[in-house]
C-alpha atoms as a PDB file:
ATOM      1  CA  UNK A   1      -5.107 -19.092  18.015  1.00  0.00           C
ATOM      2  CA  UNK A   2      -6.612 -15.607  17.993  1.00  0.00           C
ATOM      3  CA  UNK A   3      -5.082 -13.065  15.621  1.00  0.00           C
ATOM      4  CA  UNK A   4      -4.918  -9.574  17.023  1.00  0.00           C
ATOM      5  CA  UNK A   5      -6.760  -6.877  15.190  1.00  0.00           C
ATOM      6  CA  UNK A   6      -6.565  -3.140  15.612  1.00  0.00           C
ATOM      7  CA  UNK A   7      -9.538  -1.151  16.808  1.00  0.00           C
ATOM      8  CA  UNK A   8     -11.338   0.900  14.123  1.00  0.00           C
ATOM      9  CA  UNK A   9     -10.115   4.254  15.449  1.00  0.00           C
ATOM     10  CA  UNK A  10      -6.561   2.970  15.733  1.00  0.00           C
ATOM     11  CA  UNK A  11      -6.682   1.646  12.177  1.00  0.00           C
ATOM     12  CA  UNK A  12      -7.971   4.973  10.869  1.00  0.00           C
ATOM     13  CA  UNK A  13      -5.231   6.808  12.763  1.00  0.00           C
ATOM     14  CA  UNK A  14      -2.516   4.507  11.439  1.00  0.00           C
ATOM     15  CA  UNK A  15      -3.802   4.781   7.870  1.00  0.00           C
ATOM     16  CA  UNK A  16      -3.978   8.577   8.080  1.00  0.00           C
ATOM     17  CA  UNK A  17      -0.544   8.962   9.670  1.00  0.00           C
ATOM     18  CA  UNK A  18       1.271   6.563   7.340  1.00  0.00           C
ATOM     19  CA  UNK A  19      -0.407   8.018   4.250  1.00  0.00           C
ATOM     20  CA  UNK A  20       0.201  11.620   5.339  1.00  0.00           C
ATOM     21  CA  UNK A  21       3.886  11.135   6.169  1.00  0.00           C
ATOM     22  CA  UNK A  22       4.518   9.196   2.952  1.00  0.00           C
ATOM     23  CA  UNK A  23       2.626  11.747   0.836  1.00  0.00           C
ATOM     24  CA  UNK A  24       4.382  14.769   2.376  1.00  0.00           C
ATOM     25  CA  UNK A  25       7.781  13.145   1.866  1.00  0.00           C
ATOM     26  CA  UNK A  26       6.937  12.439  -1.773  1.00  0.00           C
ATOM     27  CA  UNK A  27       5.777  15.982  -2.453  1.00  0.00           C
ATOM     28  CA  UNK A  28       8.730  17.604  -0.665  1.00  0.00           C
ATOM     29  CA  UNK A  29      11.252  15.551  -2.622  1.00  0.00           C
ATOM     30  CA  UNK A  30       9.513  16.514  -5.869  1.00  0.00           C
ATOM     31  CA  UNK A  31       9.621  20.200  -4.949  1.00  0.00           C
ATOM     32  CA  UNK A  32      13.302  19.837  -4.138  1.00  0.00           C
ATOM     33  CA  UNK A  33      13.999  18.052  -7.437  1.00  0.00           C
ATOM     34  CA  UNK A  34      12.262  20.749  -9.469  1.00  0.00           C
ATOM     35  CA  UNK A  35      14.394  23.379  -7.782  1.00  0.00           C
ATOM     36  CA  UNK A  36      17.765  21.641  -7.522  1.00  0.00           C
ATOM     37  CA  UNK A  37      17.702  19.780 -10.852  1.00  0.00           C
ATOM     38  CA  UNK A  38      15.920  22.370 -13.003  1.00  0.00           C
ATOM     39  CA  UNK A  39      19.101  23.065 -14.998  1.00  0.00           C
ATOM     40  CA  UNK A  40      18.940  19.587 -16.530  1.00  0.00           C
ATOM     41  CA  UNK A  41      22.073  18.253 -14.874  1.00  0.00           C
ATOM     42  CA  UNK A  42      22.475  14.684 -13.657  1.00  0.00           C
ATOM     43  CA  UNK A  43      23.821  14.099 -10.161  1.00  0.00           C
ATOM     44  CA  UNK A  44      25.408  10.655  -9.689  1.00  0.00           C
ATOM     45  CA  UNK A  45      24.599   8.982  -6.362  1.00  0.00           C
ATOM     46  CA  UNK A  46      25.629   5.340  -6.840  1.00  0.00           C
ATOM     47  CA  UNK A  47      27.703   4.836 -10.007  1.00  0.00           C
ATOM     48  CA  UNK A  48      25.783   2.881 -12.688  1.00  0.00           C
ATOM     49  CA  UNK A  49      22.917   2.270 -10.266  1.00  0.00           C
ATOM     50  CA  UNK A  50      21.333   5.555  -9.212  1.00  0.00           C
ATOM     51  CA  UNK A  51      21.551   9.194 -10.211  1.00  0.00           C
ATOM     52  CA  UNK A  52      19.273  12.211  -9.964  1.00  0.00           C
ATOM     53  CA  UNK A  53      17.780  13.580 -13.194  1.00  0.00           C
ATOM     54  CA  UNK A  54      14.652  15.712 -13.474  1.00  0.00           C
ATOM     55  CA  UNK A  55      12.070  14.288 -15.895  1.00  0.00           C
ATOM     56  CA  UNK A  56       8.427  15.237 -16.391  1.00  0.00           C
ATOM     57  CA  UNK A  57       6.642  12.033 -17.335  1.00  0.00           C
ATOM     58  CA  UNK A  58       3.191  12.241 -18.997  1.00  0.00           C
ATOM     59  CA  UNK A  59       2.719   8.472 -18.885  1.00  0.00           C
ATOM     60  CA  UNK A  60       2.850   5.674 -16.368  1.00  0.00           C
ATOM     61  CA  UNK A  61       5.857   3.615 -15.334  1.00  0.00           C
ATOM     62  CA  UNK A  62       8.556   3.360 -18.026  1.00  0.00           C
ATOM     63  CA  UNK A  63       6.700   6.006 -20.030  1.00  0.00           C
ATOM     64  CA  UNK A  64       3.802   3.736 -21.006  1.00  0.00           C
ATOM     65  CA  UNK A  65       0.560   5.480 -21.910  1.00  0.00           C
ATOM     66  CA  UNK A  66       2.152   8.883 -22.468  1.00  0.00           C
ATOM     67  CA  UNK A  67      -0.553   9.728 -25.001  1.00  0.00           C
ATOM     68  CA  UNK A  68      -3.369   8.801 -22.562  1.00  0.00           C
ATOM     69  CA  UNK A  69      -2.450  10.839 -19.516  1.00  0.00           C
ATOM     70  CA  UNK A  70      -6.055  11.665 -18.617  1.00  0.00           C
ATOM     71  CA  UNK A  71      -6.985   7.972 -18.669  1.00  0.00           C
ATOM     72  CA  UNK A  72      -4.127   7.187 -16.290  1.00  0.00           C
ATOM     73  CA  UNK A  73      -5.290  10.046 -14.061  1.00  0.00           C
ATOM     74  CA  UNK A  74      -8.854   8.704 -13.940  1.00  0.00           C
ATOM     75  CA  UNK A  75      -7.543   5.231 -13.106  1.00  0.00           C
ATOM     76  CA  UNK A  76      -5.510   6.789 -10.285  1.00  0.00           C
ATOM     77  CA  UNK A  77      -8.667   8.436  -8.920  1.00  0.00           C
ATOM     78  CA  UNK A  78     -10.477   5.096  -8.985  1.00  0.00           C
ATOM     79  CA  UNK A  79      -7.496   3.385  -7.364  1.00  0.00           C
ATOM     80  CA  UNK A  80      -7.447   5.920  -4.504  1.00  0.00           C
ATOM     81  CA  UNK A  81     -11.161   5.388  -3.835  1.00  0.00           C
ATOM     82  CA  UNK A  82     -10.821   1.589  -3.936  1.00  0.00           C
ATOM     83  CA  UNK A  83      -7.842   1.681  -1.559  1.00  0.00           C
ATOM     84  CA  UNK A  84      -9.779   3.785   0.966  1.00  0.00           C
ATOM     85  CA  UNK A  85     -12.735   1.372   0.774  1.00  0.00           C
ATOM     86  CA  UNK A  86     -10.441  -1.618   1.313  1.00  0.00           C
ATOM     87  CA  UNK A  87      -8.730   0.119   4.224  1.00  0.00           C
ATOM     88  CA  UNK A  88     -12.135   0.700   5.821  1.00  0.00           C
ATOM     89  CA  UNK A  89     -12.952  -3.006   5.507  1.00  0.00           C
ATOM     90  CA  UNK A  90      -9.735  -4.551   6.794  1.00  0.00           C
ATOM     91  CA  UNK A  91      -9.199  -5.552  10.420  1.00  0.00           C
ATOM     92  CA  UNK A  92      -5.443  -6.012  10.024  1.00  0.00           C
ATOM     93  CA  UNK A  93      -2.957  -3.295  10.933  1.00  0.00           C
ATOM     94  CA  UNK A  94      -0.463  -4.801   8.480  1.00  0.00           C
ATOM     95  CA  UNK A  95      -2.943  -4.623   5.616  1.00  0.00           C
ATOM     96  CA  UNK A  96      -3.851  -1.143   6.777  1.00  0.00           C
ATOM     97  CA  UNK A  97      -0.241   0.074   6.625  1.00  0.00           C
ATOM     98  CA  UNK A  98       0.349  -1.391   3.156  1.00  0.00           C
ATOM     99  CA  UNK A  99      -2.874   0.139   1.843  1.00  0.00           C
ATOM    100  CA  UNK A 100      -1.840   3.500   3.301  1.00  0.00           C
ATOM    101  CA  UNK A 101       1.455   3.357   1.393  1.00  0.00           C
ATOM    102  CA  UNK A 102      -0.361   2.396  -1.803  1.00  0.00           C
ATOM    103  CA  UNK A 103      -2.777   5.299  -1.286  1.00  0.00           C
ATOM    104  CA  UNK A 104       0.083   7.761  -0.750  1.00  0.00           C
ATOM    105  CA  UNK A 105       1.830   6.529  -3.891  1.00  0.00           C
ATOM    106  CA  UNK A 106      -1.251   6.738  -6.089  1.00  0.00           C
ATOM    107  CA  UNK A 107      -2.328  10.112  -4.691  1.00  0.00           C
ATOM    108  CA  UNK A 108       1.193  11.532  -4.882  1.00  0.00           C
ATOM    109  CA  UNK A 109       1.411  10.994  -8.630  1.00  0.00           C
ATOM    110  CA  UNK A 110      -2.220  12.032  -9.114  1.00  0.00           C
ATOM    111  CA  UNK A 111      -1.487  15.370  -7.445  1.00  0.00           C
ATOM    112  CA  UNK A 112       1.224  15.979 -10.067  1.00  0.00           C
ATOM    113  CA  UNK A 113      -1.164  15.202 -12.912  1.00  0.00           C
ATOM    114  CA  UNK A 114      -3.692  17.679 -11.515  1.00  0.00           C
ATOM    115  CA  UNK A 115      -1.284  20.408 -10.355  1.00  0.00           C
ATOM    116  CA  UNK A 116       0.728  20.549 -13.582  1.00  0.00           C
ATOM    117  CA  UNK A 117      -2.123  20.019 -16.041  1.00  0.00           C
ATOM    118  CA  UNK A 118      -2.905  22.383 -18.899  1.00  0.00           C
ATOM    119  CA  UNK A 119      -5.949  20.356 -19.916  1.00  0.00           C
ATOM    120  CA  UNK A 120      -8.212  17.648 -18.459  1.00  0.00           C
ATOM    121  CA  UNK A 121      -6.034  15.691 -15.991  1.00  0.00           C
ATOM    122  CA  UNK A 122      -3.108  15.705 -18.438  1.00  0.00           C
ATOM    123  CA  UNK A 123      -0.353  16.943 -16.112  1.00  0.00           C
ATOM    124  CA  UNK A 124       3.058  15.300 -15.990  1.00  0.00           C
ATOM    125  CA  UNK A 125       4.496  13.403 -13.038  1.00  0.00           C
ATOM    126  CA  UNK A 126       7.727  14.717 -11.534  1.00  0.00           C
ATOM    127  CA  UNK A 127      10.345  11.952 -11.721  1.00  0.00           C
ATOM    128  CA  UNK A 128      13.952  12.316 -10.627  1.00  0.00           C
ATOM    129  CA  UNK A 129      15.279   8.967  -9.367  1.00  0.00           C
ATOM    130  CA  UNK A 130      17.239   7.699 -12.388  1.00  0.00           C
ATOM    131  CA  UNK A 131      17.988   3.984 -12.213  1.00  0.00           C
ATOM    132  CA  UNK A 132      19.455   3.866 -15.721  1.00  0.00           C
ATOM    133  CA  UNK A 133      16.624   1.800 -17.161  1.00  0.00           C
ATOM    134  CA  UNK A 134      13.841   3.939 -15.665  1.00  0.00           C
ATOM    135  CA  UNK A 135      13.256   7.266 -13.903  1.00  0.00           C
ATOM    136  CA  UNK A 136      10.841   7.358 -10.992  1.00  0.00           C
ATOM    137  CA  UNK A 137      10.024   9.137  -7.758  1.00  0.00           C
ATOM    138  CA  UNK A 138       9.273   8.456  -4.098  1.00  0.00           C
ATOM    139  CA  UNK A 139       5.588   7.778  -4.824  1.00  0.00           C
ATOM    140  CA  UNK A 140       6.678   4.937  -7.109  1.00  0.00           C
ATOM    141  CA  UNK A 141       8.758   3.529  -4.247  1.00  0.00           C
ATOM    142  CA  UNK A 142       5.712   3.573  -1.959  1.00  0.00           C
ATOM    143  CA  UNK A 143       3.690   1.736  -4.614  1.00  0.00           C
ATOM    144  CA  UNK A 144       6.423  -0.875  -5.042  1.00  0.00           C
ATOM    145  CA  UNK A 145       6.815  -1.410  -1.284  1.00  0.00           C
ATOM    146  CA  UNK A 146       3.038  -1.688  -0.913  1.00  0.00           C
ATOM    147  CA  UNK A 147       2.829  -4.180  -3.767  1.00  0.00           C
ATOM    148  CA  UNK A 148       5.573  -6.383  -2.306  1.00  0.00           C
ATOM    149  CA  UNK A 149       4.046  -6.079   1.161  1.00  0.00           C
ATOM    150  CA  UNK A 150       0.570  -7.047  -0.036  1.00  0.00           C
ATOM    151  CA  UNK A 151       1.955 -10.107  -1.838  1.00  0.00           C
ATOM    152  CA  UNK A 152       3.789 -11.084   1.366  1.00  0.00           C
ATOM    153  CA  UNK A 153       0.579 -10.686   3.399  1.00  0.00           C
ATOM    154  CA  UNK A 154      -1.318 -12.896   0.964  1.00  0.00           C
ATOM    155  CA  UNK A 155       1.421 -15.555   0.955  1.00  0.00           C
ATOM    156  CA  UNK A 156       1.647 -15.613   4.753  1.00  0.00           C
ATOM    157  CA  UNK A 157      -2.138 -15.780   5.095  1.00  0.00           C
ATOM    158  CA  UNK A 158      -2.604 -12.508   6.983  1.00  0.00           C
ATOM    159  CA  UNK A 159      -6.384 -12.185   7.565  1.00  0.00           C
ATOM    160  CA  UNK A 160      -7.895  -9.193   5.788  1.00  0.00           C
ATOM    161  CA  UNK A 161     -11.499  -9.095   7.035  1.00  0.00           C
ATOM    162  CA  UNK A 162     -13.520 -10.334  10.003  1.00  0.00           C
ATOM    163  CA  UNK A 163     -14.588 -13.340   7.949  1.00  0.00           C
ATOM    164  CA  UNK A 164     -10.925 -14.221   7.378  1.00  0.00           C
ATOM    165  CA  UNK A 165     -10.300 -13.951  11.133  1.00  0.00           C
ATOM    166  CA  UNK A 166     -13.118 -16.379  11.892  1.00  0.00           C
ATOM    167  CA  UNK A 167     -11.839 -18.839   9.289  1.00  0.00           C
ATOM    168  CA  UNK A 168      -8.287 -18.568  10.666  1.00  0.00           C
ATOM    169  CA  UNK A 169      -9.467 -19.258  14.205  1.00  0.00           C
ATOM    170  CA  UNK A 170     -11.559 -22.236  13.072  1.00  0.00           C
ATOM    171  CA  UNK A 171      -8.635 -23.654  11.087  1.00  0.00           C
ATOM    172  CA  UNK A 172      -6.307 -23.205  14.052  1.00  0.00           C
ATOM    173  CA  UNK A 173      -8.711 -25.063  16.364  1.00  0.00           C
ATOM    174  CA  UNK A 174      -9.190 -27.922  13.882  1.00  0.00           C
ATOM    175  CA  UNK A 175      -5.433 -28.297  13.330  1.00  0.00           C
ATOM    176  CA  UNK A 176      -4.614 -28.272  17.073  1.00  0.00           C
ATOM    177  CA  UNK A 177      -5.091 -31.843  18.407  1.00  0.00           C
ATOM    178  CA  UNK A 178      -4.584 -30.694  22.008  1.00  0.00           C
ATOM    179  CA  UNK A 179      -7.453 -28.249  21.685  1.00  0.00           C
ATOM    180  CA  UNK A 180      -9.650 -30.988  20.240  1.00  0.00           C
ATOM    181  CA  UNK A 181      -8.717 -33.346  23.066  1.00  0.00           C
ATOM    182  CA  UNK A 182      -9.628 -30.706  25.616  1.00  0.00           C
ATOM    183  CA  UNK A 183     -13.007 -30.221  23.957  1.00  0.00           C
ATOM    184  CA  UNK A 184     -13.664 -33.990  23.941  1.00  0.00           C
ATOM    185  CA  UNK A 185     -12.599 -34.215  27.579  1.00  0.00           C
ATOM    186  CA  UNK A 186     -15.012 -31.452  28.456  1.00  0.00           C
ATOM    187  CA  UNK A 187     -17.848 -33.249  26.689  1.00  0.00           C
ATOM    188  CA  UNK A 188     -17.090 -36.535  28.440  1.00  0.00           C
ATOM    189  CA  UNK A 189     -17.000 -34.809  31.789  1.00  0.00           C
ATOM    190  CA  UNK A 190     -20.352 -33.188  31.190  1.00  0.00           C
ATOM    191  CA  UNK A 191     -21.806 -36.563  30.224  1.00  0.00           C
ATOM    192  CA  UNK A 192     -20.390 -38.118  33.351  1.00  0.00           C
ATOM    193  CA  UNK A 193     -21.964 -35.402  35.440  1.00  0.00           C
ATOM    194  CA  UNK A 194     -25.374 -36.149  33.970  1.00  0.00           C
ATOM    195  CA  UNK A 195     -25.244 -39.821  34.889  1.00  0.00           C
ATOM    196  CA  UNK A 196     -24.446 -39.196  38.537  1.00  0.00           C
END
């Protein structure tokens, strides 16, 4: 069994397109939230499940690390670089798409921390999706989808690199008795041809 892999240019194009669309959507929704919800009101969407409330969060998810905003920002920079490196190494379009979403999520919140900073990388993230127990944004959704997708790819054994592809093909050949029989038949036939 041969697993299809995208060509390098196609993978770059997919990564760039997915990341760009996701990032633009995140930033546009944040701009909208800062304009439409600036008066501090809460707009109910789904009763007891989702409402819209503008919050400027200096920390990470659930407000953790609010006193170490610059550290979170530096970690986001590192995460963006690592994601790009991983995307350059993968041969899988599925991995590529999930990494693009993760990149858009990390960069989307990093942009907030840089754009709204009054010190070294200490800006606050624009959150407005109020779930009752937490307030987040579209970038957080991209990160969550990417995280779930990456776990699913690992569980299903989606090859990440060329080495994984080779191992998958070798495993498929070894586990396919018909393929093995064909190989043995070919060897026997070649032996028979030598004796004639």
